[in-house]
Amino acid sequence: MTQQLSAQRHDLMAAGRLNETRRLFMETVLSGVSAGVIGIDGEGHITIVNRAAARLLNAAPEDLEASHYSQAVPELAPLILRAMSEPVGRAGGEVTLKRAGGSRALSVQVTSERGSADGFVVTFDDITDLVGAQRTAAWADVARRIAHEIKNPLTPIQLSAERLRRKYAGEITTDPEVFRQCT
């Protein structure tokens, strides 16, 4: 019986060391990714916030942890609620986050932990620059099309004016300078 207890104790300590190693690995991974990651328990309280999430949300991790997601990040609440109501426990979309530092566009994914409703993981990336680049490209396309529409009728007008100048420049005797200027 003592051997059995000793073996079980040894196995339990090995499992504890393995869990601690995995926990440290996960913390290292979360601190090194550029995406924001938030863990939410089944009651909606934030359990973990990585550095990127705190930076993107313009808050300290300790201010976010243990608070309810609807108070800490109300902009994400509709997506989290949608994931909670979905049978697969997933939702995604774009969210505009307004904080003291300005406005950011985020691409957000909410996923249930291992397919259960006991907790959720919210991941998000800052896509503000991408949205700005898309908007700039769209306006550049609009400007190009408008310039094309304006230039199209101007070409025949220019050709007609040049033809008038070539054909009648010699015949105009009164004010030839005005004629040349007008054509």
Protein backbone atom coordinates (compact mmCIF):
# COMPACT_ATOMS: atom_id res chain seq x y z
CA MET A 1 0.00 0.00 0.00
CA THR A 2 2.90 2.36 0.79
CA GLN A 3 4.44 1.57 -2.58
CA GLN A 4 1.13 2.27 -4.27
CA LEU A 5 0.80 5.63 -2.46
CA SER A 6 4.41 6.48 -3.32
CA ALA A 7 3.85 5.63 -7.00
CA GLN A 8 0.63 7.67 -7.11
CA ARG A 9 2.37 10.59 -5.38
CA HIS A 10 5.22 10.38 -7.90
CA ASP A 11 2.74 10.30 -10.82
CA LEU A 12 0.81 13.21 -9.34
CA MET A 13 3.97 15.30 -8.95
CA ALA A 14 5.04 14.46 -12.52
CA ALA A 15 1.61 15.53 -13.79
CA GLY A 16 1.91 18.77 -11.79
CA ARG A 17 5.33 19.50 -13.31
CA LEU A 18 3.96 18.77 -16.77
CA ASN A 19 1.01 21.12 -16.18
CA GLU A 20 3.36 23.84 -14.94
CA THR A 21 5.60 23.39 -18.00
CA ARG A 22 2.57 23.62 -20.30
CA ARG A 23 1.27 26.69 -18.46
CA LEU A 24 4.63 28.46 -18.82
CA PHE A 25 4.76 27.51 -22.49
CA MET A 26 1.26 28.89 -23.09
CA GLU A 27 2.10 32.13 -21.27
CA THR A 28 5.22 32.50 -23.40
CA VAL A 29 3.25 31.89 -26.60
CA LEU A 30 0.51 34.34 -25.60
CA SER A 31 3.00 37.04 -24.69
CA GLY A 32 4.82 36.67 -28.02
CA VAL A 33 1.93 36.79 -30.49
CA SER A 34 0.85 40.05 -32.09
CA ALA A 35 -2.85 39.16 -31.93
CA GLY A 36 -4.87 40.08 -28.88
CA VAL A 37 -6.12 37.07 -26.89
CA ILE A 38 -8.73 37.18 -24.13
CA GLY A 39 -10.01 34.19 -22.17
CA ILE A 40 -13.58 34.33 -20.83
CA ASP A 41 -15.09 31.86 -18.36
CA GLY A 42 -18.63 30.45 -18.54
CA GLU A 43 -20.03 33.36 -16.51
CA GLY A 44 -18.53 35.98 -18.82
CA HIS A 45 -15.64 37.08 -16.63
CA ILE A 46 -12.26 37.71 -18.25
CA THR A 47 -9.71 35.19 -17.00
CA ILE A 48 -6.64 35.98 -19.10
CA VAL A 49 -5.44 38.88 -21.24
CA ASN A 50 -2.20 38.83 -23.20
CA ARG A 51 0.01 41.90 -23.68
CA ALA A 52 -1.14 42.50 -27.25
CA ALA A 53 -4.80 42.55 -26.16
CA ALA A 54 -4.04 45.00 -23.36
CA ARG A 55 -2.13 47.24 -25.81
CA LEU A 56 -4.90 47.12 -28.44
CA LEU A 57 -7.58 47.78 -25.82
CA ASN A 58 -5.48 50.55 -24.25
CA ALA A 59 -5.81 49.04 -20.76
CA ALA A 60 -3.72 47.22 -18.19
CA PRO A 61 -4.27 43.43 -18.04
CA GLU A 62 -5.05 43.62 -14.32
CA ASP A 63 -7.81 46.16 -15.01
CA LEU A 64 -9.46 43.78 -17.47
CA GLU A 65 -9.02 40.48 -15.64
CA ALA A 66 -11.90 39.38 -13.37
CA SER A 67 -14.23 41.99 -14.88
CA HIS A 68 -17.22 41.03 -17.01
CA TYR A 69 -16.58 41.29 -20.76
CA SER A 70 -19.66 43.48 -21.29
CA GLN A 71 -18.13 46.16 -19.06
CA ALA A 72 -14.47 45.75 -20.02
CA VAL A 73 -14.93 45.54 -23.81
CA PRO A 74 -18.55 46.38 -24.66
CA GLU A 75 -17.71 46.62 -28.38
CA LEU A 76 -17.01 42.86 -28.45
CA ALA A 77 -20.19 41.93 -26.57
CA PRO A 78 -22.43 41.32 -29.64
CA LEU A 79 -19.93 38.85 -31.13
CA ILE A 80 -19.43 37.06 -27.82
CA LEU A 81 -23.21 36.78 -27.33
CA ARG A 82 -23.58 35.45 -30.87
CA ALA A 83 -20.91 32.80 -30.22
CA MET A 84 -22.69 31.83 -27.00
CA SER A 85 -25.95 31.36 -28.86
CA GLU A 86 -24.46 29.41 -31.79
CA PRO A 87 -24.42 25.59 -31.53
CA VAL A 88 -20.80 25.49 -32.76
CA GLY A 89 -19.80 28.25 -30.34
CA ARG A 90 -18.13 30.46 -32.93
CA ALA A 91 -18.59 33.97 -34.25
CA GLY A 92 -16.45 36.44 -36.13
CA GLY A 93 -16.54 39.87 -37.63
CA GLU A 94 -15.10 43.36 -37.67
CA VAL A 95 -15.47 45.73 -34.75
CA THR A 96 -14.57 49.41 -34.41
CA LEU A 97 -12.97 50.06 -31.06
CA LYS A 98 -13.01 53.63 -29.76
CA ARG A 99 -10.67 54.46 -26.92
CA ALA A 100 -8.86 57.57 -25.70
CA GLY A 101 -5.98 56.78 -28.08
CA GLY A 102 -8.29 56.94 -31.11
CA SER A 103 -10.30 54.51 -33.18
CA ARG A 104 -9.13 51.06 -34.31
CA ALA A 105 -10.65 48.50 -36.65
CA LEU A 106 -10.36 44.96 -35.30
CA SER A 107 -10.93 41.60 -36.94
CA VAL A 108 -12.41 39.48 -34.13
CA GLN A 109 -12.93 35.72 -33.74
CA VAL A 110 -14.76 34.21 -30.76
CA THR A 111 -14.46 30.45 -30.22
CA SER A 112 -15.71 28.24 -27.44
CA GLU A 113 -13.09 26.30 -25.48
CA ARG A 114 -13.10 22.77 -26.87
CA GLY A 115 -16.64 23.05 -28.17
CA SER A 116 -18.23 23.65 -24.75
CA ALA A 117 -19.97 26.74 -23.42
CA ASP A 118 -17.80 26.71 -20.28
CA GLY A 119 -15.52 29.35 -21.68
CA PHE A 120 -14.55 31.29 -24.76
CA VAL A 121 -11.38 32.55 -26.36
CA VAL A 122 -11.54 35.90 -28.14
CA THR A 123 -8.76 36.66 -30.61
CA PHE A 124 -8.43 39.90 -32.52
CA ASP A 125 -6.03 41.70 -34.84
CA ASP A 126 -5.68 45.39 -35.59
CA ILE A 127 -6.69 45.91 -39.23
CA THR A 128 -6.85 49.71 -39.10
CA ASP A 129 -4.00 50.13 -41.61
CA LEU A 130 -5.54 47.55 -43.95
CA VAL A 131 -8.94 49.28 -43.85
CA GLY A 132 -7.23 52.63 -44.49
CA ALA A 133 -5.31 51.20 -47.44
CA GLN A 134 -8.50 49.72 -48.88
CA ARG A 135 -10.28 53.05 -48.50
CA THR A 136 -7.38 54.90 -50.19
CA ALA A 137 -7.37 52.39 -53.05
CA ALA A 138 -11.12 52.79 -53.49
CA TRP A 139 -10.85 56.60 -53.64
CA ALA A 140 -7.93 56.34 -56.08
CA ASP A 141 -10.10 54.15 -58.31
CA VAL A 142 -12.97 56.66 -58.10
CA ALA A 143 -10.59 59.51 -58.99
CA ARG A 144 -9.19 57.52 -61.94
CA ARG A 145 -12.69 56.84 -63.28
CA ILE A 146 -13.77 60.46 -62.89
CA ALA A 147 -10.62 61.64 -64.67
CA HIS A 148 -11.36 59.18 -67.47
CA GLU A 149 -14.96 60.42 -67.78
CA ILE A 150 -13.79 64.04 -67.91
CA LYS A 151 -10.97 63.34 -70.35
CA ASN A 152 -13.12 61.31 -72.79
CA PRO A 153 -15.20 64.27 -74.12
CA LEU A 154 -12.22 66.64 -73.98
CA THR A 155 -10.21 64.69 -76.57
CA PRO A 156 -12.71 65.19 -79.46
CA ILE A 157 -13.13 68.84 -78.46
CA GLN A 158 -9.35 69.34 -78.56
CA LEU A 159 -9.09 67.60 -81.95
CA SER A 160 -11.90 69.78 -83.37
CA ALA A 161 -10.23 72.97 -82.09
CA GLU A 162 -6.90 71.93 -83.65
CA ARG A 163 -8.65 71.19 -86.96
CA LEU A 164 -10.36 74.60 -86.92
CA ARG A 165 -7.01 76.28 -86.25
CA ARG A 166 -5.28 74.45 -89.13
CA LYS A 167 -8.10 75.05 -91.60
CA TYR A 168 -9.10 78.66 -90.83
CA ALA A 169 -6.01 80.26 -89.23
CA GLY A 170 -4.99 81.79 -92.55
CA GLU A 171 -8.48 83.11 -93.33
CA ILE A 172 -8.98 85.03 -90.09
CA THR A 173 -7.75 88.57 -90.66
CA THR A 174 -9.52 90.40 -87.87
CA ASP A 175 -7.97 89.49 -84.53
CA PRO A 176 -6.00 86.34 -85.44
CA GLU A 177 -4.45 86.34 -81.93
CA VAL A 178 -7.88 85.92 -80.30
CA PHE A 179 -8.73 83.12 -82.77
CA ARG A 180 -5.49 81.27 -81.97
CA GLN A 181 -6.06 81.74 -78.25
CA CYS A 182 -9.65 80.46 -78.43
CA THR A 183 -8.73 77.38 -80.45
